[in-house]
Amino acid sequence: MNFEAIKAIYRFEMARTFRTPLQSIISPVISTSLYFIVFGAAIGSRITEIEGVSYGAFIVPGLIMLMILTQSVSNGSFGIFFPKFLGTIYELLSAPVSYLEIIIGYVGAAATKSLILGVLVLATAGFFVPLRVDHPVWMLLFLVLTAVTFSLVGFIIGILAKGMEQLQTVPLLIITPLTFLGGTFYSLSVLPPFWHAVSLFNPVVYLISGFRWSFYGIADVNVAVSLGMTIAFLLACLVIVAWIFRTGYRLKA
């Protein structure tokens, strides 16, 4: 394992983030904080509690997941897209660096950025609503698994995208709607039976449900199922990335 190569890619990607702190860090934290203010004031005044948890505190895990998912996909896709777009990816592919080391460097940096933002949003939420974390180890596990998984999703999108429009289409038209419809602002228990059953086909439901359970011990689906679905999604992403590098699809053309 070439740890120097991994460190070089990782440090380059992290340095790119800290060169634009307003766009990369401050803006996502502020935009997510606005959800606490708007939804906490508008809906929280009408829905005081959900399953014994105040509405403002109830939506915190979902909002953190919303930010983690969107930022992981964005960071992962932009990180690999620009070297491919500029042609510098060929220098990397011809260097004595394995595909695994490339993935660890880019995906590790993208996941790290998302985790930093997740911690900042969690800390910010403490100023608006009372929080508790019943299972901190599980919370960290779900955070890391989600950040890595969706950084891999972003990595795949960045490789397959032919232009900036395609790069932004999936996060805008797929990831964000799935997150909003995945129980970010409500419990699946309030849905009619038909829509409850439909929601179970949304993979984001399992991420948010498991993450919320780590906070308050309440979940829409069994936590073991949530963990299993998250790991299965991660493995599926790894299989796709392995196939892309093995065939060179959209990478060596």
Protein backbone atom coordinates (compact mmCIF):
# COMPACT_ATOMS: atom_id res chain seq x y z
CA MET A 1 0.00 0.00 0.00
CA ASN A 2 1.46 3.35 -1.11
CA PHE A 3 0.54 5.53 1.86
CA GLU A 4 2.47 8.49 0.48
CA ALA A 5 0.28 8.53 -2.62
CA ILE A 6 -2.88 8.31 -0.50
CA LYS A 7 -1.65 11.13 1.72
CA ALA A 8 -0.79 13.31 -1.28
CA ILE A 9 -4.26 12.93 -2.84
CA TYR A 10 -5.95 13.36 0.52
CA ARG A 11 -4.01 16.49 1.45
CA PHE A 12 -4.56 18.05 -1.97
CA GLU A 13 -8.34 17.54 -1.75
CA MET A 14 -8.52 18.82 1.83
CA ALA A 15 -6.42 21.88 0.92
CA ARG A 16 -8.87 22.66 -1.89
CA THR A 17 -11.66 22.76 0.66
CA PHE A 18 -9.91 25.07 3.10
CA ARG A 19 -9.00 27.47 0.30
CA THR A 20 -12.71 28.27 -0.03
CA PRO A 21 -14.07 28.03 3.55
CA LEU A 22 -17.05 30.28 2.86
CA GLN A 23 -18.37 28.03 0.11
CA SER A 24 -17.20 24.69 1.48
CA ILE A 25 -17.91 25.01 5.20
CA ILE A 26 -19.73 28.15 6.30
CA SER A 27 -22.44 28.15 3.61
CA PRO A 28 -23.67 24.54 4.22
CA VAL A 29 -23.75 25.09 7.99
CA ILE A 30 -25.74 28.33 7.66
CA SER A 31 -28.19 26.87 5.13
CA THR A 32 -28.81 23.82 7.34
CA SER A 33 -29.23 26.04 10.41
CA LEU A 34 -32.00 27.91 8.59
CA TYR A 35 -34.00 24.68 8.55
CA PHE A 36 -33.92 24.63 12.36
CA ILE A 37 -35.23 28.18 12.48
CA VAL A 38 -37.86 27.90 9.73
CA PHE A 39 -39.20 24.43 10.44
CA GLY A 40 -38.80 24.74 14.20
CA ALA A 41 -40.83 27.95 14.26
CA ALA A 42 -43.38 27.18 11.53
CA ILE A 43 -44.08 23.49 12.14
CA GLY A 44 -42.75 23.11 15.67
CA SER A 45 -45.46 25.45 16.95
CA ARG A 46 -48.12 23.07 15.58
CA ILE A 47 -46.38 19.72 16.21
CA THR A 48 -44.98 19.87 19.71
CA GLU A 49 -43.72 16.27 20.02
CA ILE A 50 -43.19 13.13 17.97
CA GLU A 51 -42.89 9.90 19.98
CA GLY A 52 -41.96 11.87 23.09
CA VAL A 53 -39.29 14.00 21.38
CA SER A 54 -39.76 17.70 20.68
CA TYR A 55 -40.22 18.39 16.97
CA GLY A 56 -37.15 20.63 16.79
CA ALA A 57 -34.96 17.89 18.25
CA PHE A 58 -36.68 15.21 16.15
CA ILE A 59 -35.63 16.75 12.83
CA VAL A 60 -31.95 17.22 13.82
CA PRO A 61 -30.77 13.71 12.76
CA GLY A 62 -32.63 14.04 9.46
CA LEU A 63 -31.12 17.45 8.72
CA ILE A 64 -27.63 16.17 9.51
CA MET A 65 -28.22 13.26 7.14
CA LEU A 66 -29.53 15.65 4.49
CA MET A 67 -26.33 17.66 4.72
CA ILE A 68 -24.07 14.58 4.89
CA LEU A 69 -25.67 12.99 1.83
CA THR A 70 -25.64 16.09 -0.36
CA GLN A 71 -22.15 17.21 0.65
CA SER A 72 -20.65 13.72 0.32
CA VAL A 73 -22.02 13.34 -3.19
CA SER A 74 -20.92 16.86 -4.13
CA ASN A 75 -17.40 16.51 -2.70
CA GLY A 76 -16.90 13.04 -4.14
CA SER A 77 -18.09 13.98 -7.62
CA PHE A 78 -16.22 17.28 -7.98
CA GLY A 79 -13.01 15.77 -6.60
CA ILE A 80 -12.65 13.23 -9.43
CA PHE A 81 -14.53 15.13 -12.16
CA PHE A 82 -12.11 18.03 -12.50
CA PRO A 83 -8.96 15.88 -12.95
CA LYS A 84 -10.91 13.95 -15.59
CA PHE A 85 -12.19 17.15 -17.20
CA LEU A 86 -8.74 18.79 -17.25
CA GLY A 87 -6.95 15.62 -18.35
CA THR A 88 -4.71 15.37 -15.30
CA ILE A 89 -6.36 12.07 -14.40
CA TYR A 90 -4.14 10.36 -17.00
CA GLU A 91 -1.03 11.40 -15.08
CA LEU A 92 -2.52 9.82 -11.99
CA LEU A 93 -3.52 6.64 -13.81
CA SER A 94 -0.02 6.25 -15.29
CA ALA A 95 1.68 6.81 -11.93
CA PRO A 96 2.67 3.86 -9.69
CA VAL A 97 -0.57 4.24 -7.73
CA SER A 98 -3.18 1.51 -7.51
CA TYR A 99 -6.87 2.05 -8.06
CA LEU A 100 -7.52 1.28 -4.41
CA GLU A 101 -5.14 4.02 -3.31
CA ILE A 102 -6.82 6.52 -5.65
CA ILE A 103 -10.23 5.63 -4.23
CA ILE A 104 -9.05 5.85 -0.62
CA GLY A 105 -7.48 9.25 -1.25
CA TYR A 106 -10.43 10.88 -3.01
CA VAL A 107 -13.26 9.19 -1.12
CA GLY A 108 -11.47 9.57 2.21
CA ALA A 109 -11.10 13.32 1.67
CA ALA A 110 -14.73 13.71 0.56
CA ALA A 111 -16.00 11.74 3.56
CA THR A 112 -13.79 13.74 5.94
CA LYS A 113 -15.21 17.03 4.67
CA SER A 114 -18.75 15.76 5.16
CA LEU A 115 -18.00 14.49 8.67
CA ILE A 116 -16.54 17.87 9.64
CA LEU A 117 -19.71 19.57 8.42
CA GLY A 118 -21.86 17.00 10.22
CA VAL A 119 -20.11 17.71 13.54
CA LEU A 120 -20.47 21.47 12.99
CA VAL A 121 -24.18 21.15 12.24
CA LEU A 122 -24.66 18.93 15.29
CA ALA A 123 -22.90 21.50 17.47
CA THR A 124 -24.95 24.31 15.93
CA ALA A 125 -28.20 22.42 16.55
CA GLY A 126 -27.39 22.41 20.27
CA PHE A 127 -27.93 26.17 20.30
CA PHE A 128 -31.49 25.81 18.97
CA VAL A 129 -32.91 22.64 20.53
CA PRO A 130 -32.13 20.34 23.49
CA LEU A 131 -30.25 17.30 22.22
CA ARG A 132 -29.31 13.94 23.60
CA VAL A 133 -27.39 11.03 22.09
CA ASP A 134 -28.37 7.69 23.60
CA HIS A 135 -25.97 5.60 21.49
CA PRO A 136 -22.90 7.71 20.54
CA VAL A 137 -20.93 4.77 19.09
CA TRP A 138 -23.81 3.86 16.76
CA MET A 139 -24.18 7.53 15.84
CA LEU A 140 -20.54 7.70 14.75
CA LEU A 141 -20.86 4.39 12.90
CA PHE A 142 -23.88 5.57 10.89
CA LEU A 143 -22.17 8.91 10.21
CA VAL A 144 -18.98 7.31 8.89
CA LEU A 145 -20.77 4.63 6.85
CA THR A 146 -23.11 7.19 5.28
CA ALA A 147 -20.31 9.66 4.50
CA VAL A 148 -18.14 6.97 2.90
CA THR A 149 -21.03 5.38 0.98
CA PHE A 150 -22.30 8.60 -0.57
CA SER A 151 -18.78 9.84 -1.23
CA LEU A 152 -18.44 6.68 -3.32
CA VAL A 153 -21.75 7.54 -5.02
CA GLY A 154 -20.33 10.98 -5.80
CA PHE A 155 -17.10 9.40 -7.05
CA ILE A 156 -19.11 7.25 -9.46
CA ILE A 157 -21.14 10.24 -10.64
CA GLY A 158 -17.96 12.27 -11.17
CA ILE A 159 -16.49 9.54 -13.37
CA LEU A 160 -19.66 8.96 -15.40
CA ALA A 161 -20.63 12.61 -15.86
CA LYS A 162 -19.83 14.17 -19.22
CA GLY A 163 -20.30 17.76 -18.06
CA MET A 164 -21.26 20.05 -15.21
CA GLU A 165 -24.96 19.67 -15.96
CA GLN A 166 -24.86 15.91 -15.51
CA LEU A 167 -22.67 16.35 -12.44
CA GLN A 168 -25.40 18.33 -10.69
CA THR A 169 -28.44 16.46 -11.98
CA VAL A 170 -28.28 13.42 -9.68
CA PRO A 171 -27.81 15.34 -6.39
CA LEU A 172 -30.47 17.89 -7.36
CA LEU A 173 -33.13 15.62 -8.84
CA ILE A 174 -32.53 12.35 -6.97
CA ILE A 175 -30.55 12.60 -3.71
CA THR A 176 -32.26 15.70 -2.28
CA PRO A 177 -35.87 14.58 -3.04
CA LEU A 178 -35.17 11.11 -1.62
CA THR A 179 -33.82 12.71 1.55
CA PHE A 180 -36.82 15.02 1.97
CA LEU A 181 -39.15 12.05 1.42
CA GLY A 182 -37.09 9.76 3.66
CA GLY A 183 -38.45 10.94 7.01
CA THR A 184 -36.26 13.99 7.54
CA PHE A 185 -39.14 16.12 8.80
CA TYR A 186 -41.67 13.48 9.84
CA SER A 187 -42.09 9.96 11.16
CA LEU A 188 -43.29 7.25 8.80
CA SER A 189 -45.87 6.32 11.44
CA VAL A 190 -47.96 9.39 10.49
CA LEU A 191 -48.27 8.24 6.87
CA PRO A 192 -51.24 6.26 5.51
CA PRO A 193 -50.51 2.53 5.10
CA PHE A 194 -50.01 2.78 1.33
CA TRP A 195 -47.47 5.62 1.49
CA HIS A 196 -45.78 3.98 4.46
CA ALA A 197 -45.19 0.89 2.33
CA VAL A 198 -43.98 2.99 -0.61
CA SER A 199 -41.53 4.86 1.63
CA LEU A 200 -39.82 1.60 2.57
CA PHE A 201 -38.47 1.43 -1.00
CA ASN A 202 -36.56 4.66 -0.36
CA PRO A 203 -33.03 3.69 0.78
CA VAL A 204 -32.57 7.00 2.59
CA VAL A 205 -35.34 6.01 5.01
CA TYR A 206 -33.06 3.37 6.54
CA LEU A 207 -30.15 5.81 6.93
CA ILE A 208 -32.24 8.46 8.68
CA SER A 209 -34.13 5.92 10.79
CA GLY A 210 -30.95 4.26 12.07
CA PHE A 211 -29.27 7.59 12.70
CA ARG A 212 -32.31 8.94 14.60
CA TRP A 213 -32.37 5.78 16.70
CA SER A 214 -28.80 6.48 17.81
CA PHE A 215 -30.03 9.80 19.21
CA TYR A 216 -33.36 9.03 20.85
CA GLY A 217 -33.86 5.27 20.67
CA ILE A 218 -36.82 5.64 18.27
CA ALA A 219 -36.88 4.36 14.69
CA ASP A 220 -39.26 3.79 11.80
CA VAL A 221 -37.55 0.49 10.93
CA ASN A 222 -35.46 -1.95 12.92
CA VAL A 223 -31.93 -0.63 13.51
CA ALA A 224 -30.39 -3.93 12.37
CA VAL A 225 -32.21 -3.59 9.05
CA SER A 226 -31.01 0.02 8.75
CA LEU A 227 -27.41 -1.02 9.34
CA GLY A 228 -27.71 -3.95 6.93
CA MET A 229 -29.15 -1.74 4.17
CA THR A 230 -26.39 0.84 4.68
CA ILE A 231 -23.65 -1.79 4.42
CA ALA A 232 -25.33 -3.38 1.38
CA PHE A 233 -25.44 0.00 -0.35
CA LEU A 234 -21.76 0.54 0.46
CA LEU A 235 -20.80 -2.84 -0.98
CA ALA A 236 -22.84 -2.15 -4.13
CA CYS A 237 -20.95 1.11 -4.64
CA LEU A 238 -17.61 -0.67 -4.19
CA VAL A 239 -18.60 -3.25 -6.82
CA ILE A 240 -19.51 -0.49 -9.30
CA VAL A 241 -16.25 1.41 -8.67
CA ALA A 242 -14.24 -1.80 -9.07
CA TRP A 243 -15.97 -2.48 -12.40
CA ILE A 244 -15.28 1.07 -13.64
CA PHE A 245 -11.57 0.82 -12.88
CA ARG A 246 -11.29 -2.71 -14.26
CA THR A 247 -12.94 -1.78 -17.57
CA GLY A 248 -11.81 1.85 -17.74
CA TYR A 249 -15.37 2.91 -18.60
CA ARG A 250 -15.60 6.72 -18.95
CA LEU A 251 -12.16 6.90 -17.37
CA LYS A 252 -9.58 6.06 -20.02
CA ALA A 253 -11.46 7.26 -23.10
